[in-house]
Amino acid sequence: MSKKITLIFRHAPHGSAACREALDFALLSASFEQQISLLFVDEGVLNLLDAQLPELIGGRDFIKTLKALPLYEIDEVYACQDSLAKRGLNQLPASLAVDLLDTNAIKALLSQADEVLVY
């Protein structure tokens, strides 16, 4: 039985392992035919930026894995418009298809999920 799981990315990409773990969970769940939605809010929107250099701080570049989402049939990728605006991010890289959502659309998305996990 397939579940609709929404993962919320709330943290910056390289301050902890939370976002890397969320992405790993998303890919693993999708491989077991679960319906996965990703939502980037607050500092989590920073995960969507290209040209990050985590190796300079001894980190692993897991951000490149976002480009593999279509291979796992993860098509529902969203970002909070308010979070982007607060960080002065007016445009996201074209390498990843991300739909921008306002607060009401985010509430609707979360109400449709069987499970919501926050990272």
PDB file of N, CA and C in Angstrom:
ATOM      1  N   MET A   1       0.834  -1.174   0.000  1.00  0.00           N
ATOM      2  CA  MET A   1       0.000   0.000   0.000  1.00  0.00           C
ATOM      3  C   MET A   1       0.886   1.248   0.000  1.00  0.00           C
ATOM      4  N   SER A   2       0.698   2.081  -0.969  1.00  0.00           N
ATOM      5  CA  SER A   2       1.502   3.292  -1.123  1.00  0.00           C
ATOM      6  C   SER A   2       0.990   4.399  -0.213  1.00  0.00           C
ATOM      7  N   LYS A   3       1.925   5.087   0.440  1.00  0.00           N
ATOM      8  CA  LYS A   3       1.590   6.232   1.280  1.00  0.00           C
ATOM      9  C   LYS A   3       2.092   7.505   0.622  1.00  0.00           C
ATOM     10  N   LYS A   4       1.420   8.592   0.911  1.00  0.00           N
ATOM     11  CA  LYS A   4       1.867   9.904   0.455  1.00  0.00           C
ATOM     12  C   LYS A   4       2.648  10.535   1.607  1.00  0.00           C
ATOM     13  N   ILE A   5       3.958  10.683   1.396  1.00  0.00           N
ATOM     14  CA  ILE A   5       4.857  11.193   2.426  1.00  0.00           C
ATOM     15  C   ILE A   5       5.406  12.544   1.985  1.00  0.00           C
ATOM     16  N   THR A   6       5.282  13.526   2.857  1.00  0.00           N
ATOM     17  CA  THR A   6       5.866  14.841   2.586  1.00  0.00           C
ATOM     18  C   THR A   6       7.025  15.048   3.541  1.00  0.00           C
ATOM     19  N   LEU A   7       8.183  15.378   2.976  1.00  0.00           N
ATOM     20  CA  LEU A   7       9.375  15.664   3.761  1.00  0.00           C
ATOM     21  C   LEU A   7       9.616  17.166   3.728  1.00  0.00           C
ATOM     22  N   ILE A   8       9.764  17.749   4.897  1.00  0.00           N
ATOM     23  CA  ILE A   8      10.014  19.184   4.995  1.00  0.00           C
ATOM     24  C   ILE A   8      11.482  19.402   5.347  1.00  0.00           C
ATOM     25  N   PHE A   9      12.164  20.123   4.485  1.00  0.00           N
ATOM     26  CA  PHE A   9      13.561  20.500   4.702  1.00  0.00           C
ATOM     27  C   PHE A   9      13.559  21.891   5.320  1.00  0.00           C
ATOM     28  N   ARG A  10      13.974  22.020   6.592  1.00  0.00           N
ATOM     29  CA  ARG A  10      13.946  23.307   7.282  1.00  0.00           C
ATOM     30  C   ARG A  10      15.325  23.867   7.577  1.00  0.00           C
ATOM     31  N   HIS A  11      16.348  23.087   7.396  1.00  0.00           N
ATOM     32  CA  HIS A  11      17.692  23.508   7.813  1.00  0.00           C
ATOM     33  C   HIS A  11      18.603  23.752   6.618  1.00  0.00           C
ATOM     34  N   ALA A  12      19.614  24.564   6.848  1.00  0.00           N
ATOM     35  CA  ALA A  12      20.633  24.810   5.826  1.00  0.00           C
ATOM     36  C   ALA A  12      21.325  23.493   5.501  1.00  0.00           C
ATOM     37  N   PRO A  13      21.869  23.381   4.304  1.00  0.00           N
ATOM     38  CA  PRO A  13      22.372  22.084   3.845  1.00  0.00           C
ATOM     39  C   PRO A  13      23.589  21.529   4.574  1.00  0.00           C
ATOM     40  N   HIS A  14      24.458  22.352   5.096  1.00  0.00           N
ATOM     41  CA  HIS A  14      25.724  21.801   5.575  1.00  0.00           C
ATOM     42  C   HIS A  14      26.002  22.033   7.055  1.00  0.00           C
ATOM     43  N   GLY A  15      25.028  22.495   7.821  1.00  0.00           N
ATOM     44  CA  GLY A  15      25.239  22.708   9.247  1.00  0.00           C
ATOM     45  C   GLY A  15      25.041  21.441  10.068  1.00  0.00           C
ATOM     46  N   SER A  16      24.331  20.477   9.495  1.00  0.00           N
ATOM     47  CA  SER A  16      24.082  19.200  10.172  1.00  0.00           C
ATOM     48  C   SER A  16      23.810  18.149   9.095  1.00  0.00           C
ATOM     49  N   ALA A  17      23.571  16.951   9.541  1.00  0.00           N
ATOM     50  CA  ALA A  17      23.295  15.863   8.590  1.00  0.00           C
ATOM     51  C   ALA A  17      21.805  15.743   8.268  1.00  0.00           C
ATOM     52  N   ALA A  18      20.976  16.612   8.825  1.00  0.00           N
ATOM     53  CA  ALA A  18      19.525  16.482   8.696  1.00  0.00           C
ATOM     54  C   ALA A  18      19.059  16.445   7.244  1.00  0.00           C
ATOM     55  N   CYS A  19      19.522  17.357   6.437  1.00  0.00           N
ATOM     56  CA  CYS A  19      19.042  17.426   5.051  1.00  0.00           C
ATOM     57  C   CYS A  19      19.551  16.251   4.225  1.00  0.00           C
ATOM     58  N   ARG A  20      20.763  15.837   4.472  1.00  0.00           N
ATOM     59  CA  ARG A  20      21.304  14.669   3.765  1.00  0.00           C
ATOM     60  C   ARG A  20      20.492  13.429   4.139  1.00  0.00           C
ATOM     61  N   GLU A  21      20.152  13.292   5.413  1.00  0.00           N
ATOM     62  CA  GLU A  21      19.351  12.165   5.862  1.00  0.00           C
ATOM     63  C   GLU A  21      17.947  12.209   5.265  1.00  0.00           C
ATOM     64  N   ALA A  22      17.374  13.402   5.157  1.00  0.00           N
ATOM     65  CA  ALA A  22      16.047  13.542   4.554  1.00  0.00           C
ATOM     66  C   ALA A  22      16.065  13.117   3.096  1.00  0.00           C
ATOM     67  N   LEU A  23      17.087  13.532   2.385  1.00  0.00           N
ATOM     68  CA  LEU A  23      17.197  13.171   0.974  1.00  0.00           C
ATOM     69  C   LEU A  23      17.391  11.663   0.823  1.00  0.00           C
ATOM     70  N   ASP A  24      18.215  11.072   1.657  1.00  0.00           N
ATOM     71  CA  ASP A  24      18.405   9.615   1.634  1.00  0.00           C
ATOM     72  C   ASP A  24      17.083   8.893   1.909  1.00  0.00           C
ATOM     73  N   PHE A  25      16.335   9.397   2.886  1.00  0.00           N
ATOM     74  CA  PHE A  25      15.040   8.797   3.219  1.00  0.00           C
ATOM     75  C   PHE A  25      14.068   8.911   2.043  1.00  0.00           C
ATOM     76  N   ALA A  26      14.079  10.066   1.387  1.00  0.00           N
ATOM     77  CA  ALA A  26      13.185  10.286   0.240  1.00  0.00           C
ATOM     78  C   ALA A  26      13.484   9.292  -0.871  1.00  0.00           C
ATOM     79  N   LEU A  27      14.745   9.117  -1.208  1.00  0.00           N
ATOM     80  CA  LEU A  27      15.125   8.201  -2.279  1.00  0.00           C
ATOM     81  C   LEU A  27      14.805   6.759  -1.917  1.00  0.00           C
ATOM     82  N   LEU A  28      15.078   6.389  -0.685  1.00  0.00           N
ATOM     83  CA  LEU A  28      14.784   5.030  -0.236  1.00  0.00           C
ATOM     84  C   LEU A  28      13.280   4.770  -0.261  1.00  0.00           C
ATOM     85  N   SER A  29      12.498   5.709   0.240  1.00  0.00           N
ATOM     86  CA  SER A  29      11.044   5.543   0.260  1.00  0.00           C
ATOM     87  C   SER A  29      10.475   5.465  -1.152  1.00  0.00           C
ATOM     88  N   ALA A  30      10.990   6.295  -2.027  1.00  0.00           N
ATOM     89  CA  ALA A  30      10.518   6.278  -3.419  1.00  0.00           C
ATOM     90  C   ALA A  30      10.846   4.946  -4.084  1.00  0.00           C
ATOM     91  N   SER A  31      11.970   4.361  -3.730  1.00  0.00           N
ATOM     92  CA  SER A  31      12.333   3.079  -4.321  1.00  0.00           C
ATOM     93  C   SER A  31      11.385   1.966  -3.865  1.00  0.00           C
ATOM     94  N   PHE A  32      10.668   2.200  -2.758  1.00  0.00           N
ATOM     95  CA  PHE A  32       9.644   1.262  -2.296  1.00  0.00           C
ATOM     96  C   PHE A  32       8.249   1.731  -2.708  1.00  0.00           C
ATOM     97  N   GLU A  33       8.205   2.535  -3.769  1.00  0.00           N
ATOM     98  CA  GLU A  33       6.983   2.988  -4.421  1.00  0.00           C
ATOM     99  C   GLU A  33       6.055   3.814  -3.538  1.00  0.00           C
ATOM    100  N   GLN A  34       6.642   4.573  -2.618  1.00  0.00           N
ATOM    101  CA  GLN A  34       5.866   5.533  -1.840  1.00  0.00           C
ATOM    102  C   GLN A  34       5.799   6.842  -2.633  1.00  0.00           C
ATOM    103  N   GLN A  35       4.723   7.597  -2.468  1.00  0.00           N
ATOM    104  CA  GLN A  35       4.590   8.888  -3.132  1.00  0.00           C
ATOM    105  C   GLN A  35       5.278   9.930  -2.265  1.00  0.00           C
ATOM    106  N   ILE A  36       6.317  10.541  -2.805  1.00  0.00           N
ATOM    107  CA  ILE A  36       7.141  11.460  -2.025  1.00  0.00           C
ATOM    108  C   ILE A  36       6.984  12.880  -2.542  1.00  0.00           C
ATOM    109  N   SER A  37       6.786  13.807  -1.597  1.00  0.00           N
ATOM    110  CA  SER A  37       6.801  15.236  -1.890  1.00  0.00           C
ATOM    111  C   SER A  37       7.884  15.866  -1.022  1.00  0.00           C
ATOM    112  N   LEU A  38       8.638  16.782  -1.599  1.00  0.00           N
ATOM    113  CA  LEU A  38       9.664  17.505  -0.852  1.00  0.00           C
ATOM    114  C   LEU A  38       9.244  18.963  -0.748  1.00  0.00           C
ATOM    115  N   LEU A  39       9.347  19.523   0.450  1.00  0.00           N
ATOM    116  CA  LEU A  39       9.009  20.918   0.677  1.00  0.00           C
ATOM    117  C   LEU A  39      10.183  21.593   1.368  1.00  0.00           C
ATOM    118  N   PHE A  40      10.698  22.644   0.767  1.00  0.00           N
ATOM    119  CA  PHE A  40      11.833  23.388   1.313  1.00  0.00           C
ATOM    120  C   PHE A  40      11.324  24.695   1.904  1.00  0.00           C
ATOM    121  N   VAL A  41      11.537  24.875   3.214  1.00  0.00           N
ATOM    122  CA  VAL A  41      11.083  26.070   3.918  1.00  0.00           C
ATOM    123  C   VAL A  41      12.214  26.606   4.792  1.00  0.00           C
ATOM    124  N   ASP A  42      12.039  27.828   5.262  1.00  0.00           N
ATOM    125  CA  ASP A  42      13.016  28.479   6.134  1.00  0.00           C
ATOM    126  C   ASP A  42      14.412  28.371   5.501  1.00  0.00           C
ATOM    127  N   GLU A  43      15.421  28.017   6.287  1.00  0.00           N
ATOM    128  CA  GLU A  43      16.773  27.899   5.734  1.00  0.00           C
ATOM    129  C   GLU A  43      16.920  26.700   4.804  1.00  0.00           C
ATOM    130  N   GLY A  44      15.942  25.831   4.793  1.00  0.00           N
ATOM    131  CA  GLY A  44      15.963  24.673   3.906  1.00  0.00           C
ATOM    132  C   GLY A  44      15.990  25.051   2.437  1.00  0.00           C
ATOM    133  N   VAL A  45      15.504  26.255   2.095  1.00  0.00           N
ATOM    134  CA  VAL A  45      15.536  26.675   0.687  1.00  0.00           C
ATOM    135  C   VAL A  45      16.967  26.801   0.171  1.00  0.00           C
ATOM    136  N   LEU A  46      17.931  26.938   1.071  1.00  0.00           N
ATOM    137  CA  LEU A  46      19.334  27.041   0.656  1.00  0.00           C
ATOM    138  C   LEU A  46      19.844  25.744   0.034  1.00  0.00           C
ATOM    139  N   ASN A  47      19.156  24.642   0.294  1.00  0.00           N
ATOM    140  CA  ASN A  47      19.518  23.362  -0.320  1.00  0.00           C
ATOM    141  C   ASN A  47      19.330  23.386  -1.828  1.00  0.00           C
ATOM    142  N   LEU A  48      18.517  24.294  -2.317  1.00  0.00           N
ATOM    143  CA  LEU A  48      18.178  24.343  -3.740  1.00  0.00           C
ATOM    144  C   LEU A  48      19.178  25.142  -4.578  1.00  0.00           C
ATOM    145  N   LEU A  49      20.140  25.767  -3.942  1.00  0.00           N
ATOM    146  CA  LEU A  49      21.103  26.593  -4.670  1.00  0.00           C
ATOM    147  C   LEU A  49      22.198  25.754  -5.303  1.00  0.00           C
ATOM    148  N   ASP A  50      22.575  26.116  -6.514  1.00  0.00           N
ATOM    149  CA  ASP A  50      23.682  25.463  -7.210  1.00  0.00           C
ATOM    150  C   ASP A  50      25.020  25.999  -6.716  1.00  0.00           C
ATOM    151  N   ALA A  51      26.079  25.384  -7.179  1.00  0.00           N
ATOM    152  CA  ALA A  51      27.459  25.842  -6.973  1.00  0.00           C
ATOM    153  C   ALA A  51      27.841  25.926  -5.503  1.00  0.00           C
ATOM    154  N   GLN A  52      27.419  24.965  -4.721  1.00  0.00           N
ATOM    155  CA  GLN A  52      27.852  24.909  -3.328  1.00  0.00           C
ATOM    156  C   GLN A  52      29.164  24.137  -3.272  1.00  0.00           C
ATOM    157  N   LEU A  53      30.014  24.505  -2.354  1.00  0.00           N
ATOM    158  CA  LEU A  53      31.326  23.868  -2.235  1.00  0.00           C
ATOM    159  C   LEU A  53      31.535  23.314  -0.824  1.00  0.00           C
ATOM    160  N   PRO A  54      30.795  22.290  -0.437  1.00  0.00           N
ATOM    161  CA  PRO A  54      30.896  21.771   0.926  1.00  0.00           C
ATOM    162  C   PRO A  54      32.250  21.132   1.237  1.00  0.00           C
ATOM    163  N   GLU A  55      32.967  20.727   0.214  1.00  0.00           N
ATOM    164  CA  GLU A  55      34.282  20.120   0.462  1.00  0.00           C
ATOM    165  C   GLU A  55      35.246  21.114   1.109  1.00  0.00           C
ATOM    166  N   LEU A  56      34.992  22.402   0.957  1.00  0.00           N
ATOM    167  CA  LEU A  56      35.847  23.417   1.590  1.00  0.00           C
ATOM    168  C   LEU A  56      35.720  23.394   3.108  1.00  0.00           C
ATOM    169  N   ILE A  57      34.619  22.864   3.618  1.00  0.00           N
ATOM    170  CA  ILE A  57      34.444  22.748   5.069  1.00  0.00           C
ATOM    171  C   ILE A  57      34.420  21.280   5.506  1.00  0.00           C
ATOM    172  N   GLY A  58      34.898  20.414   4.625  1.00  0.00           N
ATOM    173  CA  GLY A  58      34.980  18.991   4.943  1.00  0.00           C
ATOM    174  C   GLY A  58      33.657  18.251   4.806  1.00  0.00           C
ATOM    175  N   GLY A  59      32.713  18.831   4.064  1.00  0.00           N
ATOM    176  CA  GLY A  59      31.410  18.205   3.881  1.00  0.00           C
ATOM    177  C   GLY A  59      31.311  17.436   2.586  1.00  0.00           C
ATOM    178  N   ARG A  60      30.229  16.694   2.469  1.00  0.00           N
ATOM    179  CA  ARG A  60      29.952  15.906   1.270  1.00  0.00           C
ATOM    180  C   ARG A  60      28.915  16.646   0.421  1.00  0.00           C
ATOM    181  N   ASP A  61      29.089  16.637  -0.888  1.00  0.00           N
ATOM    182  CA  ASP A  61      28.185  17.358  -1.777  1.00  0.00           C
ATOM    183  C   ASP A  61      26.980  16.489  -2.131  1.00  0.00           C
ATOM    184  N   PHE A  62      26.051  16.394  -1.186  1.00  0.00           N
ATOM    185  CA  PHE A  62      24.844  15.597  -1.423  1.00  0.00           C
ATOM    186  C   PHE A  62      23.830  16.369  -2.263  1.00  0.00           C
ATOM    187  N   ILE A  63      24.006  17.665  -2.426  1.00  0.00           N
ATOM    188  CA  ILE A  63      23.069  18.502  -3.165  1.00  0.00           C
ATOM    189  C   ILE A  63      22.938  18.029  -4.619  1.00  0.00           C
ATOM    190  N   LYS A  64      24.011  17.522  -5.184  1.00  0.00           N
ATOM    191  CA  LYS A  64      23.960  17.017  -6.558  1.00  0.00           C
ATOM    192  C   LYS A  64      22.942  15.896  -6.715  1.00  0.00           C
ATOM    193  N   THR A  65      22.650  15.204  -5.623  1.00  0.00           N
ATOM    194  CA  THR A  65      21.691  14.110  -5.652  1.00  0.00           C
ATOM    195  C   THR A  65      20.288  14.601  -5.992  1.00  0.00           C
ATOM    196  N   LEU A  66      20.001  15.871  -5.743  1.00  0.00           N
ATOM    197  CA  LEU A  66      18.677  16.410  -6.076  1.00  0.00           C
ATOM    198  C   LEU A  66      18.372  16.257  -7.566  1.00  0.00           C
ATOM    199  N   LYS A  67      19.393  16.262  -8.380  1.00  0.00           N
ATOM    200  CA  LYS A  67      19.182  16.120  -9.822  1.00  0.00           C
ATOM    201  C   LYS A  67      18.719  14.712 -10.196  1.00  0.00           C
ATOM    202  N   ALA A  68      18.860  13.756  -9.274  1.00  0.00           N
ATOM    203  CA  ALA A  68      18.435  12.379  -9.527  1.00  0.00           C
ATOM    204  C   ALA A  68      16.972  12.140  -9.146  1.00  0.00           C
ATOM    205  N   LEU A  69      16.312  13.128  -8.584  1.00  0.00           N
ATOM    206  CA  LEU A  69      14.935  12.934  -8.137  1.00  0.00           C
ATOM    207  C   LEU A  69      14.009  12.379  -9.226  1.00  0.00           C
ATOM    208  N   PRO A  70      14.082  12.877 -10.458  1.00  0.00           N
ATOM    209  CA  PRO A  70      13.198  12.320 -11.500  1.00  0.00           C
ATOM    210  C   PRO A  70      13.421  10.822 -11.757  1.00  0.00           C
ATOM    211  N   LEU A  71      14.638  10.336 -11.540  1.00  0.00           N
ATOM    212  CA  LEU A  71      14.910   8.909 -11.720  1.00  0.00           C
ATOM    213  C   LEU A  71      14.146   8.059 -10.706  1.00  0.00           C
ATOM    214  N   TYR A  72      13.836   8.656  -9.566  1.00  0.00           N
ATOM    215  CA  TYR A  72      13.088   7.976  -8.511  1.00  0.00           C
ATOM    216  C   TYR A  72      11.607   8.342  -8.546  1.00  0.00           C
ATOM    217  N   GLU A  73      11.215   9.015  -9.609  1.00  0.00           N
ATOM    218  CA  GLU A  73       9.835   9.464  -9.797  1.00  0.00           C
ATOM    219  C   GLU A  73       9.358  10.385  -8.675  1.00  0.00           C
ATOM    220  N   ILE A  74      10.286  11.212  -8.185  1.00  0.00           N
ATOM    221  CA  ILE A  74       9.927  12.252  -7.220  1.00  0.00           C
ATOM    222  C   ILE A  74       9.773  13.537  -8.020  1.00  0.00           C
ATOM    223  N   ASP A  75       8.526  13.844  -8.336  1.00  0.00           N
ATOM    224  CA  ASP A  75       8.220  14.997  -9.182  1.00  0.00           C
ATOM    225  C   ASP A  75       7.669  16.176  -8.391  1.00  0.00           C
ATOM    226  N   GLU A  76       7.250  15.930  -7.190  1.00  0.00           N
ATOM    227  CA  GLU A  76       6.634  16.981  -6.383  1.00  0.00           C
ATOM    228  C   GLU A  76       7.689  17.619  -5.481  1.00  0.00           C
ATOM    229  N   VAL A  77       8.283  18.692  -5.980  1.00  0.00           N
ATOM    230  CA  VAL A  77       9.309  19.425  -5.239  1.00  0.00           C
ATOM    231  C   VAL A  77       8.830  20.869  -5.131  1.00  0.00           C
ATOM    232  N   TYR A  78       8.730  21.339  -3.879  1.00  0.00           N
ATOM    233  CA  TYR A  78       8.156  22.654  -3.630  1.00  0.00           C
ATOM    234  C   TYR A  78       9.080  23.491  -2.753  1.00  0.00           C
ATOM    235  N   ALA A  79       8.949  24.798  -2.889  1.00  0.00           N
ATOM    236  CA  ALA A  79       9.671  25.740  -2.029  1.00  0.00           C
ATOM    237  C   ALA A  79       8.698  26.814  -1.566  1.00  0.00           C
ATOM    238  N   CYS A  80       8.893  27.270  -0.367  1.00  0.00           N
ATOM    239  CA  CYS A  80       8.066  28.317   0.220  1.00  0.00           C
ATOM    240  C   CYS A  80       8.468  29.673  -0.353  1.00  0.00           C
ATOM    241  N   GLN A  81       7.512  30.367  -0.954  1.00  0.00           N
ATOM    242  CA  GLN A  81       7.777  31.686  -1.532  1.00  0.00           C
ATOM    243  C   GLN A  81       8.284  32.667  -0.482  1.00  0.00           C
ATOM    244  N   ASP A  82       7.677  32.656   0.695  1.00  0.00           N
ATOM    245  CA  ASP A  82       8.065  33.587   1.753  1.00  0.00           C
ATOM    246  C   ASP A  82       9.502  33.335   2.209  1.00  0.00           C
ATOM    247  N   SER A  83       9.879  32.072   2.338  1.00  0.00           N
ATOM    248  CA  SER A  83      11.235  31.732   2.768  1.00  0.00           C
ATOM    249  C   SER A  83      12.269  32.204   1.750  1.00  0.00           C
ATOM    250  N   LEU A  84      11.947  32.044   0.481  1.00  0.00           N
ATOM    251  CA  LEU A  84      12.856  32.517  -0.571  1.00  0.00           C
ATOM    252  C   LEU A  84      12.975  34.036  -0.538  1.00  0.00           C
ATOM    253  N   ALA A  85      11.851  34.723  -0.408  1.00  0.00           N
ATOM    254  CA  ALA A  85      11.858  36.186  -0.401  1.00  0.00           C
ATOM    255  C   ALA A  85      12.641  36.734   0.795  1.00  0.00           C
ATOM    256  N   LYS A  86      12.493  36.113   1.964  1.00  0.00           N
ATOM    257  CA  LYS A  86      13.203  36.569   3.164  1.00  0.00           C
ATOM    258  C   LYS A  86      14.715  36.444   3.012  1.00  0.00           C
ATOM    259  N   ARG A  87      15.149  35.566   2.142  1.00  0.00           N
ATOM    260  CA  ARG A  87      16.583  35.356   1.929  1.00  0.00           C
ATOM    261  C   ARG A  87      17.079  36.015   0.647  1.00  0.00           C
ATOM    262  N   GLY A  88      16.229  36.807   0.027  1.00  0.00           N
ATOM    263  CA  GLY A  88      16.604  37.529  -1.190  1.00  0.00           C
ATOM    264  C   GLY A  88      16.821  36.630  -2.391  1.00  0.00           C
ATOM    265  N   LEU A  89      16.206  35.468  -2.383  1.00  0.00           N
ATOM    266  CA  LEU A  89      16.356  34.520  -3.485  1.00  0.00           C
ATOM    267  C   LEU A  89      15.147  34.659  -4.405  1.00  0.00           C
ATOM    268  N   ASN A  90      15.326  35.365  -5.482  1.00  0.00           N
ATOM    269  CA  ASN A  90      14.230  35.612  -6.403  1.00  0.00           C
ATOM    270  C   ASN A  90      14.133  34.563  -7.498  1.00  0.00           C
ATOM    271  N   GLN A  91      15.230  33.842  -7.719  1.00  0.00           N
ATOM    272  CA  GLN A  91      15.237  32.863  -8.804  1.00  0.00           C
ATOM    273  C   GLN A  91      16.037  31.639  -8.377  1.00  0.00           C
ATOM    274  N   LEU A  92      15.461  30.478  -8.607  1.00  0.00           N
ATOM    275  CA  LEU A  92      16.141  29.224  -8.306  1.00  0.00           C
ATOM    276  C   LEU A  92      16.787  28.680  -9.569  1.00  0.00           C
ATOM    277  N   PRO A  93      17.804  27.836  -9.435  1.00  0.00           N
ATOM    278  CA  PRO A  93      18.451  27.245 -10.613  1.00  0.00           C
ATOM    279  C   PRO A  93      17.459  26.463 -11.462  1.00  0.00           C
ATOM    280  N   ALA A  94      17.645  26.515 -12.740  1.00  0.00           N
ATOM    281  CA  ALA A  94      16.759  25.803 -13.665  1.00  0.00           C
ATOM    282  C   ALA A  94      17.055  24.307 -13.703  1.00  0.00           C
ATOM    283  N   SER A  95      18.112  23.874 -13.035  1.00  0.00           N
ATOM    284  CA  SER A  95      18.492  22.462 -13.074  1.00  0.00           C
ATOM    285  C   SER A  95      17.513  21.566 -12.308  1.00  0.00           C
ATOM    286  N   LEU A  96      16.654  22.161 -11.498  1.00  0.00           N
ATOM    287  CA  LEU A  96      15.689  21.391 -10.725  1.00  0.00           C
ATOM    288  C   LEU A  96      14.332  22.074 -10.820  1.00  0.00           C
ATOM    289  N   ALA A  97      13.321  21.307 -11.189  1.00  0.00           N
ATOM    290  CA  ALA A  97      11.972  21.864 -11.303  1.00  0.00           C
ATOM    291  C   ALA A  97      11.360  21.976  -9.906  1.00  0.00           C
ATOM    292  N   VAL A  98      11.156  23.198  -9.470  1.00  0.00           N
ATOM    293  CA  VAL A  98      10.606  23.469  -8.144  1.00  0.00           C
ATOM    294  C   VAL A  98       9.397  24.381  -8.302  1.00  0.00           C
ATOM    295  N   ASP A  99       8.280  23.977  -7.706  1.00  0.00           N
ATOM    296  CA  ASP A  99       7.089  24.820  -7.703  1.00  0.00           C
ATOM    297  C   ASP A  99       7.088  25.657  -6.431  1.00  0.00           C
ATOM    298  N   LEU A 100       6.785  26.932  -6.575  1.00  0.00           N
ATOM    299  CA  LEU A 100       6.740  27.829  -5.429  1.00  0.00           C
ATOM    300  C   LEU A 100       5.326  27.852  -4.852  1.00  0.00           C
ATOM    301  N   LEU A 101       5.250  27.776  -3.521  1.00  0.00           N
ATOM    302  CA  LEU A 101       3.958  27.734  -2.849  1.00  0.00           C
ATOM    303  C   LEU A 101       3.836  28.854  -1.825  1.00  0.00           C
ATOM    304  N   ASP A 102       2.629  29.398  -1.718  1.00  0.00           N
ATOM    305  CA  ASP A 102       2.364  30.348  -0.642  1.00  0.00           C
ATOM    306  C   ASP A 102       1.868  29.560   0.571  1.00  0.00           C
ATOM    307  N   THR A 103       1.580  30.270   1.659  1.00  0.00           N
ATOM    308  CA  THR A 103       1.201  29.619   2.914  1.00  0.00           C
ATOM    309  C   THR A 103      -0.043  28.748   2.766  1.00  0.00           C
ATOM    310  N   ASN A 104      -1.041  29.223   2.058  1.00  0.00           N
ATOM    311  CA  ASN A 104      -2.269  28.438   1.887  1.00  0.00           C
ATOM    312  C   ASN A 104      -2.020  27.165   1.092  1.00  0.00           C
ATOM    313  N   ALA A 105      -1.203  27.246   0.063  1.00  0.00           N
ATOM    314  CA  ALA A 105      -0.886  26.060  -0.739  1.00  0.00           C
ATOM    315  C   ALA A 105      -0.074  25.053   0.078  1.00  0.00           C
ATOM    316  N   ILE A 106       0.784  25.546   0.955  1.00  0.00           N
ATOM    317  CA  ILE A 106       1.554  24.648   1.823  1.00  0.00           C
ATOM    318  C   ILE A 106       0.614  23.914   2.778  1.00  0.00           C
ATOM    319  N   LYS A 107      -0.340  24.621   3.353  1.00  0.00           N
ATOM    320  CA  LYS A 107      -1.321  23.981   4.239  1.00  0.00           C
ATOM    321  C   LYS A 107      -2.083  22.895   3.493  1.00  0.00           C
ATOM    322  N   ALA A 108      -2.478  23.180   2.267  1.00  0.00           N
ATOM    323  CA  ALA A 108      -3.207  22.194   1.463  1.00  0.00           C
ATOM    324  C   ALA A 108      -2.342  20.972   1.179  1.00  0.00           C
ATOM    325  N   LEU A 109      -1.081  21.199   0.838  1.00  0.00           N
ATOM    326  CA  LEU A 109      -0.153  20.099   0.568  1.00  0.00           C
ATOM    327  C   LEU A 109      -0.022  19.200   1.793  1.00  0.00           C
ATOM    328  N   LEU A 110       0.177  19.808   2.950  1.00  0.00           N
ATOM    329  CA  LEU A 110       0.372  19.033   4.174  1.00  0.00           C
ATOM    330  C   LEU A 110      -0.893  18.278   4.575  1.00  0.00           C
ATOM    331  N   SER A 111      -2.051  18.842   4.291  1.00  0.00           N
ATOM    332  CA  SER A 111      -3.301  18.172   4.654  1.00  0.00           C
ATOM    333  C   SER A 111      -3.553  16.929   3.793  1.00  0.00           C
ATOM    334  N   GLN A 112      -2.921  16.845   2.641  1.00  0.00           N
ATOM    335  CA  GLN A 112      -3.099  15.700   1.751  1.00  0.00           C
ATOM    336  C   GLN A 112      -2.145  14.546   2.057  1.00  0.00           C
ATOM    337  N   ALA A 113      -1.148  14.795   2.887  1.00  0.00           N
ATOM    338  CA  ALA A 113      -0.136  13.779   3.169  1.00  0.00           C
ATOM    339  C   ALA A 113      -0.618  12.783   4.224  1.00  0.00           C
ATOM    340  N   ASP A 114      -0.207  11.530   4.044  1.00  0.00           N
ATOM    341  CA  ASP A 114      -0.449  10.514   5.071  1.00  0.00           C
ATOM    342  C   ASP A 114       0.533  10.691   6.221  1.00  0.00           C
ATOM    343  N   GLU A 115       1.754  11.084   5.877  1.00  0.00           N
ATOM    344  CA  GLU A 115       2.799  11.317   6.877  1.00  0.00           C
ATOM    345  C   GLU A 115       3.588  12.545   6.486  1.00  0.00           C
ATOM    346  N   VAL A 116       3.972  13.331   7.484  1.00  0.00           N
ATOM    347  CA  VAL A 116       4.826  14.506   7.299  1.00  0.00           C
ATOM    348  C   VAL A 116       6.016  14.357   8.218  1.00  0.00           C
ATOM    349  N   LEU A 117       7.203  14.432   7.626  1.00  0.00           N
ATOM    350  CA  LEU A 117       8.447  14.336   8.414  1.00  0.00           C
ATOM    351  C   LEU A 117       9.214  15.633   8.232  1.00  0.00           C
ATOM    352  N   VAL A 118       9.701  16.172   9.353  1.00  0.00           N
ATOM    353  CA  VAL A 118      10.419  17.439   9.309  1.00  0.00           C
ATOM    354  C   VAL A 118      11.890  17.188   9.620  1.00  0.00           C
ATOM    355  N   TYR A 119      12.743  17.685   8.738  1.00  0.00           N
ATOM    356  CA  TYR A 119      14.193  17.560   8.919  1.00  0.00           C
ATOM    357  C   TYR A 119      14.802  18.934   9.006  1.00  0.00           C
TER     358      TYR A 119
END
